[in-house]
C-alpha atoms as a PDB file:
ATOM      1  CA  MET A   1       0.000   0.000   0.000  1.00  0.00           C
ATOM      2  CA  GLY A   2       2.795   2.394   0.910  1.00  0.00           C
ATOM      3  CA  SER A   3       4.567   1.990  -2.433  1.00  0.00           C
ATOM      4  CA  LYS A   4       1.269   2.505  -4.302  1.00  0.00           C
ATOM      5  CA  ASN A   5       0.677   5.807  -2.427  1.00  0.00           C
ATOM      6  CA  ILE A   6       4.181   7.021  -3.315  1.00  0.00           C
ATOM      7  CA  ARG A   7       3.627   6.208  -7.003  1.00  0.00           C
ATOM      8  CA  THR A   8       0.244   7.945  -6.886  1.00  0.00           C
ATOM      9  CA  ARG A   9       1.771  11.102  -5.361  1.00  0.00           C
ATOM     10  CA  ARG A  10       4.576  11.162  -8.018  1.00  0.00           C
ATOM     11  CA  ILE A  11       2.058  10.856 -10.843  1.00  0.00           C
ATOM     12  CA  ALA A  12      -0.001  13.675  -9.338  1.00  0.00           C
ATOM     13  CA  ARG A  13       3.084  15.938  -9.174  1.00  0.00           C
ATOM     14  CA  ILE A  14       3.896  15.202 -12.831  1.00  0.00           C
ATOM     15  CA  ILE A  15       0.334  16.073 -13.855  1.00  0.00           C
ATOM     16  CA  VAL A  16       0.447  19.361 -11.885  1.00  0.00           C
ATOM     17  CA  PHE A  17       3.823  20.299 -13.451  1.00  0.00           C
ATOM     18  CA  ALA A  18       2.472  19.580 -16.931  1.00  0.00           C
ATOM     19  CA  CYS A  19      -0.522  21.791 -16.240  1.00  0.00           C
ATOM     20  CA  LEU A  20       1.772  24.627 -15.193  1.00  0.00           C
ATOM     21  CA  LEU A  21       3.921  24.485 -18.372  1.00  0.00           C
ATOM     22  CA  PRO A  22       1.776  26.915 -20.414  1.00  0.00           C
ATOM     23  CA  THR A  23       2.199  29.547 -17.701  1.00  0.00           C
ATOM     24  CA  ILE A  24       6.003  29.444 -17.791  1.00  0.00           C
ATOM     25  CA  THR A  25       6.414  29.119 -21.588  1.00  0.00           C
ATOM     26  CA  PRO A  26       6.945  32.510 -23.377  1.00  0.00           C
ATOM     27  CA  PRO A  27       3.679  33.700 -24.922  1.00  0.00           C
ATOM     28  CA  ALA A  28       3.327  32.934 -28.611  1.00  0.00           C
ATOM     29  CA  ASP A  29       2.974  36.623 -29.559  1.00  0.00           C
ATOM     30  CA  SER A  30       6.202  37.473 -27.685  1.00  0.00           C
ATOM     31  CA  ALA A  31       8.128  34.818 -29.594  1.00  0.00           C
ATOM     32  CA  ALA A  32       6.632  36.057 -32.853  1.00  0.00           C
ATOM     33  CA  GLN A  33       7.607  39.630 -31.964  1.00  0.00           C
ATOM     34  CA  ALA A  34      11.221  38.565 -31.408  1.00  0.00           C
ATOM     35  CA  LYS A  35      11.322  37.010 -34.881  1.00  0.00           C
ATOM     36  CA  LYS A  36       9.321  39.755 -36.619  1.00  0.00           C
ATOM     37  CA  VAL A  37      10.781  40.964 -39.897  1.00  0.00           C
ATOM     38  CA  ARG A  38      10.238  44.715 -40.321  1.00  0.00           C
ATOM     39  CA  ARG A  39       9.145  45.823 -43.795  1.00  0.00           C
ATOM     40  CA  VAL A  40      10.764  48.994 -45.136  1.00  0.00           C
ATOM     41  CA  GLY A  41      10.098  50.552 -48.524  1.00  0.00           C
ATOM     42  CA  VAL A  42      12.963  52.334 -50.271  1.00  0.00           C
ATOM     43  CA  LEU A  43      12.462  54.886 -53.046  1.00  0.00           C
ATOM     44  CA  GLU A  44      15.905  55.399 -54.560  1.00  0.00           C
ATOM     45  CA  PRO A  45      15.820  58.299 -57.054  1.00  0.00           C
ATOM     46  CA  GLY A  46      18.983  57.052 -58.782  1.00  0.00           C
ATOM     47  CA  GLY A  47      20.412  53.589 -59.244  1.00  0.00           C
ATOM     48  CA  ARG A  48      21.959  50.892 -57.098  1.00  0.00           C
ATOM     49  CA  GLY A  49      24.848  51.650 -54.767  1.00  0.00           C
ATOM     50  CA  GLY A  50      24.194  55.373 -54.355  1.00  0.00           C
ATOM     51  CA  THR A  51      26.108  57.361 -51.732  1.00  0.00           C
ATOM     52  CA  CYS A  52      23.078  58.090 -49.550  1.00  0.00           C
ATOM     53  CA  SER A  53      21.588  54.603 -49.835  1.00  0.00           C
ATOM     54  CA  SER A  54      24.923  53.000 -48.903  1.00  0.00           C
ATOM     55  CA  GLY A  55      25.148  55.159 -45.786  1.00  0.00           C
ATOM     56  CA  PHE A  56      21.563  54.330 -44.791  1.00  0.00           C
ATOM     57  CA  HIS A  57      22.045  50.564 -45.073  1.00  0.00           C
ATOM     58  CA  GLN A  58      25.296  50.769 -43.116  1.00  0.00           C
ATOM     59  CA  GLY A  59      23.473  52.706 -40.400  1.00  0.00           C
ATOM     60  CA  LEU A  60      20.841  49.975 -40.141  1.00  0.00           C
ATOM     61  CA  ARG A  61      23.518  47.292 -39.880  1.00  0.00           C
ATOM     62  CA  ASP A  62      25.183  49.259 -37.090  1.00  0.00           C
ATOM     63  CA  LEU A  63      21.847  49.208 -35.235  1.00  0.00           C
ATOM     64  CA  GLY A  64      21.557  45.435 -35.515  1.00  0.00           C
ATOM     65  CA  TYR A  65      19.299  45.092 -38.557  1.00  0.00           C
ATOM     66  CA  THR A  66      20.170  42.264 -40.960  1.00  0.00           C
ATOM     67  CA  GLU A  67      18.350  41.860 -44.244  1.00  0.00           C
ATOM     68  CA  GLY A  68      16.471  38.572 -44.389  1.00  0.00           C
ATOM     69  CA  GLN A  69      16.565  38.113 -40.604  1.00  0.00           C
ATOM     70  CA  ASN A  70      14.842  41.068 -38.973  1.00  0.00           C
ATOM     71  CA  ILE A  71      14.347  43.521 -41.841  1.00  0.00           C
ATOM     72  CA  ALA A  72      13.152  43.274 -45.448  1.00  0.00           C
ATOM     73  CA  PHE A  73      13.262  45.943 -48.163  1.00  0.00           C
ATOM     74  CA  GLU A  74      10.936  46.737 -51.041  1.00  0.00           C
ATOM     75  CA  THR A  75      13.088  48.940 -53.272  1.00  0.00           C
ATOM     76  CA  ARG A  76      12.184  50.950 -56.349  1.00  0.00           C
ATOM     77  CA  TYR A  77      14.832  52.689 -58.483  1.00  0.00           C
ATOM     78  CA  GLY A  78      14.094  55.906 -60.334  1.00  0.00           C
ATOM     79  CA  ALA A  79      17.247  55.676 -62.507  1.00  0.00           C
ATOM     80  CA  ALA A  80      17.550  59.483 -62.300  1.00  0.00           C
ATOM     81  CA  ILE A  81      14.321  59.902 -64.302  1.00  0.00           C
ATOM     82  CA  ALA A  82      12.148  62.323 -62.336  1.00  0.00           C
ATOM     83  CA  SER A  83       8.928  61.390 -64.166  1.00  0.00           C
ATOM     84  CA  ARG A  84       9.159  57.819 -62.809  1.00  0.00           C
ATOM     85  CA  LEU A  85       9.135  58.838 -59.160  1.00  0.00           C
ATOM     86  CA  PRO A  86       5.364  59.479 -58.686  1.00  0.00           C
ATOM     87  CA  VAL A  87       4.561  56.043 -60.176  1.00  0.00           C
ATOM     88  CA  LEU A  88       7.145  54.284 -58.016  1.00  0.00           C
ATOM     89  CA  ALA A  89       6.010  56.189 -54.914  1.00  0.00           C
ATOM     90  CA  ALA A  90       2.419  55.049 -55.512  1.00  0.00           C
ATOM     91  CA  GLU A  91       3.616  51.443 -55.954  1.00  0.00           C
ATOM     92  CA  LEU A  92       5.441  51.495 -52.631  1.00  0.00           C
ATOM     93  CA  ALA A  93       2.514  53.113 -50.817  1.00  0.00           C
ATOM     94  CA  ALA A  94       0.192  50.392 -52.146  1.00  0.00           C
ATOM     95  CA  LEU A  95       2.444  47.735 -50.586  1.00  0.00           C
ATOM     96  CA  LYS A  96       1.859  49.338 -47.160  1.00  0.00           C
ATOM     97  CA  PRO A  97       5.352  48.895 -45.649  1.00  0.00           C
ATOM     98  CA  GLU A  98       5.902  50.058 -42.074  1.00  0.00           C
ATOM     99  CA  ILE A  99       8.139  52.915 -43.251  1.00  0.00           C
ATOM    100  CA  ILE A 100       9.306  54.337 -46.570  1.00  0.00           C
ATOM    101  CA  TRP A 101      12.830  55.782 -46.822  1.00  0.00           C
ATOM    102  CA  THR A 102      14.020  58.080 -49.598  1.00  0.00           C
ATOM    103  CA  HIS A 103      16.150  61.125 -50.426  1.00  0.00           C
ATOM    104  CA  SER A 104      16.199  64.107 -52.850  1.00  0.00           C
ATOM    105  CA  PRO A 105      13.405  66.718 -53.173  1.00  0.00           C
ATOM    106  CA  PRO A 106      11.621  65.142 -56.184  1.00  0.00           C
ATOM    107  CA  ALA A 107      11.378  61.759 -54.444  1.00  0.00           C
ATOM    108  CA  VAL A 108      10.202  63.285 -51.172  1.00  0.00           C
ATOM    109  CA  LEU A 109       7.522  65.326 -52.940  1.00  0.00           C
ATOM    110  CA  ALA A 110       6.348  62.205 -54.814  1.00  0.00           C
ATOM    111  CA  LEU A 111       5.919  60.332 -51.523  1.00  0.00           C
ATOM    112  CA  LYS A 112       4.190  63.283 -49.884  1.00  0.00           C
ATOM    113  CA  ARG A 113       1.545  63.051 -52.596  1.00  0.00           C
ATOM    114  CA  ALA A 114       1.412  59.230 -52.463  1.00  0.00           C
ATOM    115  CA  THR A 115       0.722  58.769 -48.747  1.00  0.00           C
ATOM    116  CA  THR A 116      -0.217  60.727 -45.643  1.00  0.00           C
ATOM    117  CA  SER A 117      -0.312  57.710 -43.320  1.00  0.00           C
ATOM    118  CA  ILE A 118       2.848  55.646 -43.894  1.00  0.00           C
ATOM    119  CA  PRO A 119       5.844  57.152 -42.056  1.00  0.00           C
ATOM    120  CA  VAL A 120       8.410  58.624 -44.464  1.00  0.00           C
ATOM    121  CA  VAL A 121      12.044  59.086 -43.407  1.00  0.00           C
ATOM    122  CA  ILE A 122      14.296  61.286 -45.535  1.00  0.00           C
ATOM    123  CA  GLY A 123      17.921  60.238 -45.838  1.00  0.00           C
ATOM    124  CA  VAL A 124      18.881  63.724 -46.929  1.00  0.00           C
ATOM    125  CA  THR A 125      17.304  66.625 -48.809  1.00  0.00           C
ATOM    126  CA  ARG A 126      17.098  70.417 -48.730  1.00  0.00           C
ATOM    127  CA  ASP A 127      14.676  73.230 -47.882  1.00  0.00           C
ATOM    128  CA  LEU A 128      11.944  71.095 -46.307  1.00  0.00           C
ATOM    129  CA  VAL A 129      10.049  74.001 -44.784  1.00  0.00           C
ATOM    130  CA  GLU A 130      10.482  76.257 -47.818  1.00  0.00           C
ATOM    131  CA  GLN A 131       9.037  73.562 -50.098  1.00  0.00           C
ATOM    132  CA  GLY A 132       6.084  72.979 -47.757  1.00  0.00           C
ATOM    133  CA  ILE A 133       7.085  69.396 -47.033  1.00  0.00           C
ATOM    134  CA  VAL A 134       7.025  69.839 -43.235  1.00  0.00           C
ATOM    135  CA  ALA A 135       5.456  72.449 -40.972  1.00  0.00           C
ATOM    136  CA  SER A 136       8.690  73.216 -39.124  1.00  0.00           C
ATOM    137  CA  LEU A 137      12.051  71.650 -38.409  1.00  0.00           C
ATOM    138  CA  ALA A 138      11.412  71.317 -34.675  1.00  0.00           C
ATOM    139  CA  ARG A 139       7.882  69.926 -35.078  1.00  0.00           C
ATOM    140  CA  PRO A 140       7.481  68.516 -38.583  1.00  0.00           C
ATOM    141  CA  GLY A 141       4.035  67.047 -37.853  1.00  0.00           C
ATOM    142  CA  GLY A 142       2.357  64.663 -40.276  1.00  0.00           C
ATOM    143  CA  ASN A 143       4.101  61.511 -41.457  1.00  0.00           C
ATOM    144  CA  ILE A 144       7.483  62.893 -42.598  1.00  0.00           C
ATOM    145  CA  THR A 145      10.790  63.456 -40.818  1.00  0.00           C
ATOM    146  CA  GLY A 146      14.452  63.041 -41.686  1.00  0.00           C
ATOM    147  CA  MET A 147      17.751  64.742 -42.373  1.00  0.00           C
ATOM    148  CA  GLU A 148      18.330  68.074 -44.092  1.00  0.00           C
ATOM    149  CA  LEU A 149      21.376  69.459 -45.851  1.00  0.00           C
ATOM    150  CA  ARG A 150      22.058  73.171 -45.667  1.00  0.00           C
ATOM    151  CA  ASP A 151      23.473  73.336 -49.169  1.00  0.00           C
ATOM    152  CA  THR A 152      21.481  76.408 -50.184  1.00  0.00           C
ATOM    153  CA  GLU A 153      23.045  78.258 -47.264  1.00  0.00           C
ATOM    154  CA  ILE A 154      26.625  77.259 -48.037  1.00  0.00           C
ATOM    155  CA  LEU A 155      26.576  77.420 -51.846  1.00  0.00           C
ATOM    156  CA  GLY A 156      27.937  80.962 -51.671  1.00  0.00           C
ATOM    157  CA  LYS A 157      30.872  79.773 -49.574  1.00  0.00           C
ATOM    158  CA  ARG A 158      31.637  77.007 -52.102  1.00  0.00           C
ATOM    159  CA  PHE A 159      31.525  79.622 -54.852  1.00  0.00           C
ATOM    160  CA  GLU A 160      33.996  81.833 -52.950  1.00  0.00           C
ATOM    161  CA  LEU A 161      36.407  78.914 -52.456  1.00  0.00           C
ATOM    162  CA  LEU A 162      36.341  78.187 -56.187  1.00  0.00           C
ATOM    163  CA  LYS A 163      37.052  81.826 -56.980  1.00  0.00           C
ATOM    164  CA  GLN A 164      39.923  81.857 -54.460  1.00  0.00           C
ATOM    165  CA  ALA A 165      41.415  78.790 -56.144  1.00  0.00           C
ATOM    166  CA  ILE A 166      40.921  80.278 -59.632  1.00  0.00           C
ATOM    167  CA  PRO A 167      41.254  84.052 -59.076  1.00  0.00           C
ATOM    168  CA  LYS A 168      41.307  84.835 -62.828  1.00  0.00           C
ATOM    169  CA  ALA A 169      37.904  83.210 -63.404  1.00  0.00           C
ATOM    170  CA  SER A 170      35.479  85.863 -64.641  1.00  0.00           C
ATOM    171  CA  ARG A 171      32.652  83.580 -65.794  1.00  0.00           C
ATOM    172  CA  ILE A 172      31.535  80.500 -63.845  1.00  0.00           C
ATOM    173  CA  ALA A 173      28.935  77.975 -64.971  1.00  0.00           C
ATOM    174  CA  VAL A 174      26.439  76.629 -62.423  1.00  0.00           C
ATOM    175  CA  LEU A 175      25.070  73.175 -63.288  1.00  0.00           C
ATOM    176  CA  VAL A 176      21.532  72.591 -61.976  1.00  0.00           C
ATOM    177  CA  ASN A 177      18.802  69.967 -62.273  1.00  0.00           C
ATOM    178  CA  PRO A 178      15.591  71.607 -63.583  1.00  0.00           C
ATOM    179  CA  ASN A 179      13.551  68.737 -62.084  1.00  0.00           C
ATOM    180  CA  ASP A 180      14.844  69.504 -58.591  1.00  0.00           C
ATOM    181  CA  PRO A 181      12.606  72.115 -56.901  1.00  0.00           C
ATOM    182  CA  GLY A 182      15.505  73.087 -54.635  1.00  0.00           C
ATOM    183  CA  HIS A 183      17.488  74.249 -57.675  1.00  0.00           C
ATOM    184  CA  ALA A 184      14.837  76.692 -58.909  1.00  0.00           C
ATOM    185  CA  GLY A 185      16.498  79.662 -57.167  1.00  0.00           C
ATOM    186  CA  ILE A 186      20.047  78.778 -58.284  1.00  0.00           C
ATOM    187  CA  PRO A 187      22.175  80.712 -59.209  1.00  0.00           C
ATOM    188  CA  ALA A 188      20.047  83.730 -58.308  1.00  0.00           C
ATOM    189  CA  ASN A 189      20.767  83.077 -54.616  1.00  0.00           C
ATOM    190  CA  ILE A 190      24.495  83.725 -55.126  1.00  0.00           C
ATOM    191  CA  GLU A 191      24.203  86.807 -57.351  1.00  0.00           C
ATOM    192  CA  ARG A 192      25.359  89.035 -54.493  1.00  0.00           C
ATOM    193  CA  GLU A 193      28.583  87.052 -54.080  1.00  0.00           C
ATOM    194  CA  ALA A 194      29.054  87.025 -57.859  1.00  0.00           C
ATOM    195  CA  ARG A 195      28.787  90.809 -58.104  1.00  0.00           C
ATOM    196  CA  ALA A 196      31.172  91.281 -55.180  1.00  0.00           C
ATOM    197  CA  LEU A 197      33.720  88.990 -56.860  1.00  0.00           C
ATOM    198  CA  ARG A 198      33.063  90.448 -60.337  1.00  0.00           C
ATOM    199  CA  VAL A 199      32.018  87.114 -61.786  1.00  0.00           C
ATOM    200  CA  GLN A 200      29.309  86.420 -64.357  1.00  0.00           C
ATOM    201  CA  LEU A 201      27.219  83.299 -63.791  1.00  0.00           C
ATOM    202  CA  GLN A 202      26.036  80.922 -66.495  1.00  0.00           C
ATOM    203  CA  ARG A 203      23.082  78.704 -65.546  1.00  0.00           C
ATOM    204  CA  VAL A 204      23.291  75.321 -67.289  1.00  0.00           C
ATOM    205  CA  GLU A 205      20.716  72.544 -66.887  1.00  0.00           C
ATOM    206  CA  ALA A 206      21.001  68.758 -66.814  1.00  0.00           C
ATOM    207  CA  GLY A 207      17.702  67.013 -66.108  1.00  0.00           C
ATOM    208  CA  GLY A 208      19.033  63.470 -66.412  1.00  0.00           C
ATOM    209  CA  SER A 209      22.160  61.411 -66.955  1.00  0.00           C
ATOM    210  CA  GLU A 210      21.718  61.685 -70.703  1.00  0.00           C
ATOM    211  CA  SER A 211      21.841  65.505 -70.456  1.00  0.00           C
ATOM    212  CA  VAL A 212      25.269  65.788 -68.831  1.00  0.00           C
ATOM    213  CA  ASP A 213      27.294  65.748 -72.064  1.00  0.00           C
ATOM    214  CA  ALA A 214      25.059  68.394 -73.651  1.00  0.00           C
ATOM    215  CA  ALA A 215      25.407  70.534 -70.528  1.00  0.00           C
ATOM    216  CA  PHE A 216      29.171  70.533 -70.890  1.00  0.00           C
ATOM    217  CA  GLN A 217      28.873  71.523 -74.532  1.00  0.00           C
ATOM    218  CA  ALA A 218      26.791  74.505 -73.409  1.00  0.00           C
ATOM    219  CA  ILE A 219      29.413  75.402 -70.787  1.00  0.00           C
ATOM    220  CA  VAL A 220      32.181  75.369 -73.374  1.00  0.00           C
ATOM    221  CA  GLN A 221      30.092  77.397 -75.810  1.00  0.00           C
ATOM    222  CA  GLY A 222      29.370  79.879 -73.017  1.00  0.00           C
ATOM    223  CA  ARG A 223      33.141  80.244 -72.434  1.00  0.00           C
ATOM    224  CA  SER A 224      32.960  79.718 -68.696  1.00  0.00           C
ATOM    225  CA  ASP A 225      36.269  79.450 -66.851  1.00  0.00           C
ATOM    226  CA  ALA A 226      35.095  77.122 -64.067  1.00  0.00           C
ATOM    227  CA  LEU A 227      32.135  75.062 -62.882  1.00  0.00           C
ATOM    228  CA  LEU A 228      30.063  75.158 -59.678  1.00  0.00           C
ATOM    229  CA  LEU A 229      27.752  72.305 -58.644  1.00  0.00           C
ATOM    230  CA  PRO A 230      25.007  72.398 -55.980  1.00  0.00           C
ATOM    231  CA  GLU A 231      24.094  69.218 -54.096  1.00  0.00           C
ATOM    232  CA  SER A 232      21.872  66.871 -56.079  1.00  0.00           C
ATOM    233  CA  SER A 233      21.339  63.111 -56.179  1.00  0.00           C
ATOM    234  CA  LEU A 234      21.485  63.339 -59.981  1.00  0.00           C
ATOM    235  CA  LEU A 235      24.830  65.162 -59.982  1.00  0.00           C
ATOM    236  CA  SER A 236      26.231  62.930 -57.254  1.00  0.00           C
ATOM    237  CA  GLY A 237      25.206  59.818 -59.160  1.00  0.00           C
ATOM    238  CA  ASN A 238      27.012  61.176 -62.234  1.00  0.00           C
ATOM    239  CA  ARG A 239      30.038  62.593 -60.417  1.00  0.00           C
ATOM    240  CA  GLN A 240      32.529  60.302 -62.144  1.00  0.00           C
ATOM    241  CA  ARG A 241      31.269  61.375 -65.555  1.00  0.00           C
ATOM    242  CA  ILE A 242      31.148  65.033 -64.543  1.00  0.00           C
ATOM    243  CA  SER A 243      34.691  64.891 -63.177  1.00  0.00           C
ATOM    244  CA  LYS A 244      35.977  63.264 -66.387  1.00  0.00           C
ATOM    245  CA  LEU A 245      34.295  65.865 -68.597  1.00  0.00           C
ATOM    246  CA  ALA A 246      35.443  68.752 -66.390  1.00  0.00           C
ATOM    247  CA  GLN A 247      39.043  67.585 -66.704  1.00  0.00           C
ATOM    248  CA  GLU A 248      38.722  67.013 -70.453  1.00  0.00           C
ATOM    249  CA  LYS A 249      37.334  70.531 -70.886  1.00  0.00           C
ATOM    250  CA  ARG A 250      39.926  71.898 -68.423  1.00  0.00           C
ATOM    251  CA  LEU A 251      37.228  73.288 -66.137  1.00  0.00           C
ATOM    252  CA  PRO A 252      38.221  73.638 -62.469  1.00  0.00           C
ATOM    253  CA  SER A 253      35.130  72.636 -60.497  1.00  0.00           C
ATOM    254  CA  ALA A 254      33.686  72.857 -56.995  1.00  0.00           C
ATOM    255  CA  ALA A 255      30.926  70.627 -55.616  1.00  0.00           C
ATOM    256  CA  GLY A 256      29.357  69.425 -52.348  1.00  0.00           C
ATOM    257  CA  GLY A 257      30.330  66.474 -50.165  1.00  0.00           C
ATOM    258  CA  PRO A 258      33.735  64.729 -50.068  1.00  0.00           C
ATOM    259  CA  GLN A 259      32.548  62.097 -52.556  1.00  0.00           C
ATOM    260  CA  PHE A 260      32.954  64.681 -55.325  1.00  0.00           C
ATOM    261  CA  ALA A 261      36.620  65.437 -54.577  1.00  0.00           C
ATOM    262  CA  GLU A 262      37.227  61.717 -54.228  1.00  0.00           C
ATOM    263  CA  ALA A 263      35.773  61.301 -57.734  1.00  0.00           C
ATOM    264  CA  GLY A 264      38.195  63.876 -59.139  1.00  0.00           C
ATOM    265  CA  ILE A 265      36.435  67.230 -58.716  1.00  0.00           C
ATOM    266  CA  LEU A 266      38.995  69.915 -57.805  1.00  0.00           C
ATOM    267  CA  ILE A 267      37.228  71.221 -54.674  1.00  0.00           C
ATOM    268  CA  SER A 268      34.429  69.894 -52.501  1.00  0.00           C
ATOM    269  CA  TYR A 269      32.795  71.818 -49.687  1.00  0.00           C
ATOM    270  CA  GLY A 270      29.719  70.407 -48.032  1.00  0.00           C
ATOM    271  CA  ALA A 271      28.276  67.882 -45.633  1.00  0.00           C
ATOM    272  CA  ASN A 272      29.360  64.261 -45.774  1.00  0.00           C
ATOM    273  CA  VAL A 273      26.231  62.757 -47.344  1.00  0.00           C
ATOM    274  CA  THR A 274      27.198  59.209 -46.384  1.00  0.00           C
ATOM    275  CA  HIS A 275      27.333  60.156 -42.699  1.00  0.00           C
ATOM    276  CA  VAL A 276      24.109  62.178 -42.852  1.00  0.00           C
ATOM    277  CA  CYS A 277      22.205  59.314 -44.483  1.00  0.00           C
ATOM    278  CA  GLN A 278      23.724  56.876 -42.014  1.00  0.00           C
ATOM    279  CA  ARG A 279      22.186  58.957 -39.234  1.00  0.00           C
ATOM    280  CA  SER A 280      18.750  58.655 -40.871  1.00  0.00           C
ATOM    281  CA  ALA A 281      18.764  54.944 -39.958  1.00  0.00           C
ATOM    282  CA  TRP A 282      18.445  56.023 -36.317  1.00  0.00           C
ATOM    283  CA  LEU A 283      15.168  57.777 -37.157  1.00  0.00           C
ATOM    284  CA  VAL A 284      13.867  54.623 -38.865  1.00  0.00           C
ATOM    285  CA  ASP A 285      14.761  52.618 -35.767  1.00  0.00           C
ATOM    286  CA  LYS A 286      12.926  55.078 -33.492  1.00  0.00           C
ATOM    287  CA  ILE A 287       9.775  54.873 -35.614  1.00  0.00           C
ATOM    288  CA  LEU A 288       9.876  51.075 -35.767  1.00  0.00           C
ATOM    289  CA  LYS A 289       9.979  51.135 -31.958  1.00  0.00           C
ATOM    290  CA  GLY A 290       6.857  53.272 -31.749  1.00  0.00           C
ATOM    291  CA  THR A 291       7.795  56.957 -32.066  1.00  0.00           C
ATOM    292  CA  LYS A 292       5.602  59.019 -34.402  1.00  0.00           C
ATOM    293  CA  PRO A 293       7.527  60.635 -37.284  1.00  0.00           C
ATOM    294  CA  GLY A 294       5.891  64.005 -36.650  1.00  0.00           C
ATOM    295  CA  ASP A 295       7.375  64.006 -33.133  1.00  0.00           C
ATOM    296  CA  LEU A 296      10.950  63.552 -34.384  1.00  0.00           C
ATOM    297  CA  PRO A 297      12.593  66.900 -35.235  1.00  0.00           C
ATOM    298  CA  ILE A 298      14.300  67.314 -38.596  1.00  0.00           C
ATOM    299  CA  GLU A 299      18.046  66.996 -38.033  1.00  0.00           C
ATOM    300  CA  ARG A 300      20.342  69.335 -39.983  1.00  0.00           C
ATOM    301  CA  ALA A 301      23.909  68.825 -41.101  1.00  0.00           C
ATOM    302  CA  SER A 302      26.266  70.829 -38.907  1.00  0.00           C
ATOM    303  CA  ARG A 303      29.708  69.850 -40.232  1.00  0.00           C
ATOM    304  CA  PHE A 304      31.020  70.819 -43.668  1.00  0.00           C
ATOM    305  CA  ASP A 305      34.229  69.331 -45.025  1.00  0.00           C
ATOM    306  CA  PHE A 306      36.575  71.243 -47.319  1.00  0.00           C
ATOM    307  CA  VAL A 307      38.573  68.855 -49.527  1.00  0.00           C
ATOM    308  CA  ILE A 308      41.058  69.690 -52.307  1.00  0.00           C
ATOM    309  CA  ASN A 309      42.152  67.183 -54.928  1.00  0.00           C
ATOM    310  CA  LEU A 310      45.764  68.057 -55.775  1.00  0.00           C
ATOM    311  CA  LYS A 311      45.922  65.303 -58.398  1.00  0.00           C
ATOM    312  CA  THR A 312      43.202  67.103 -60.325  1.00  0.00           C
ATOM    313  CA  ALA A 313      44.915  70.459 -59.805  1.00  0.00           C
ATOM    314  CA  LYS A 314      48.075  69.092 -61.441  1.00  0.00           C
ATOM    315  CA  ARG A 315      46.122  67.641 -64.370  1.00  0.00           C
ATOM    316  CA  LEU A 316      44.437  71.010 -64.917  1.00  0.00           C
ATOM    317  CA  GLY A 317      47.651  72.973 -64.465  1.00  0.00           C
ATOM    318  CA  VAL A 318      46.207  74.827 -61.479  1.00  0.00           C
ATOM    319  CA  THR A 319      48.546  76.008 -58.725  1.00  0.00           C
ATOM    320  CA  MET A 320      46.580  75.972 -55.492  1.00  0.00           C
ATOM    321  CA  PRO A 321      47.461  78.811 -53.081  1.00  0.00           C
ATOM    322  CA  GLN A 322      49.329  77.476 -50.052  1.00  0.00           C
ATOM    323  CA  TRP A 323      47.084  79.364 -47.628  1.00  0.00           C
ATOM    324  CA  LEU A 324      44.042  77.636 -49.195  1.00  0.00           C
ATOM    325  CA  LEU A 325      45.660  74.202 -48.852  1.00  0.00           C
ATOM    326  CA  VAL A 326      46.225  74.919 -45.158  1.00  0.00           C
ATOM    327  CA  LYS A 327      42.509  75.714 -44.706  1.00  0.00           C
ATOM    328  CA  ALA A 328      41.438  72.379 -46.215  1.00  0.00           C
ATOM    329  CA  ASP A 329      40.258  69.565 -43.940  1.00  0.00           C
ATOM    330  CA  ARG A 330      41.833  67.078 -46.327  1.00  0.00           C
ATOM    331  CA  VAL A 331      44.108  67.227 -49.356  1.00  0.00           C
ATOM    332  CA  ILE A 332      44.047  64.339 -51.831  1.00  0.00           C
ATOM    333  CA  LYS A 333      47.571  63.880 -53.227  1.00  0.00           C
END
């Protein structure tokens, strides 16, 4: 009898333990949450491997996101054709990803028209308030936040650096993208600096990759002595081609972020776009964790790098002033 009672009590304890198992096993929804793959749409105005896109994906990796494990991308490429962006933006919005990431004014404006509910994070762009994209930098409101360059503010400084490097330049071409709303006021916004430096400005347009060669023909025909470039995803995506043509036409040039000088442009002065776009990944992470995009202030670039490419200077036969070389953050030799 005693042994039967012991066996009975052991069986009872096993039954009780089995009944308790559901209460100590992690809830099914918690396990699913841990394995959840976040869906992010990407509207890339150019092609694969762009400067901003590369920085963004690196930023996500730094935050622990791995494609195929905890994040998945739906990407659409505009191939630097502005007319494609509204169609691609509508396609992404229809897929209803958790967030859509993009950069450049035309792409941002296309997404603003495509959705007012899906959070949109901007890798980098310009003049967000002026273009009516957000209500204010501190409180953007709505479904859009991101990173902003201050290229419009510093274009005059880039122009002055080019003139200091090429003091004999009396006519300088300014290459703009007519499909970029942020370029509408260029070069009118640097007319004051041009008058002070006694320089005539030649506005030249390139609305796509196929227009770059024709733009350089116009610059040569206009007899400009040098070339100034504002920030633009189109120009950045074609920087190798632009650098090659500028050297062939013997046109000393100045552009934005360090990627331009690294591609062979004589002078670059602007924010490091790779770093700015890398920072935008932090905003995506905050939104995926529950923060509303309208509550995240627009962050602005605060550091501007001045880089001189001495290799290009030698090819062009330009002697850079020593005092200007000393001012540079980096000199490519």
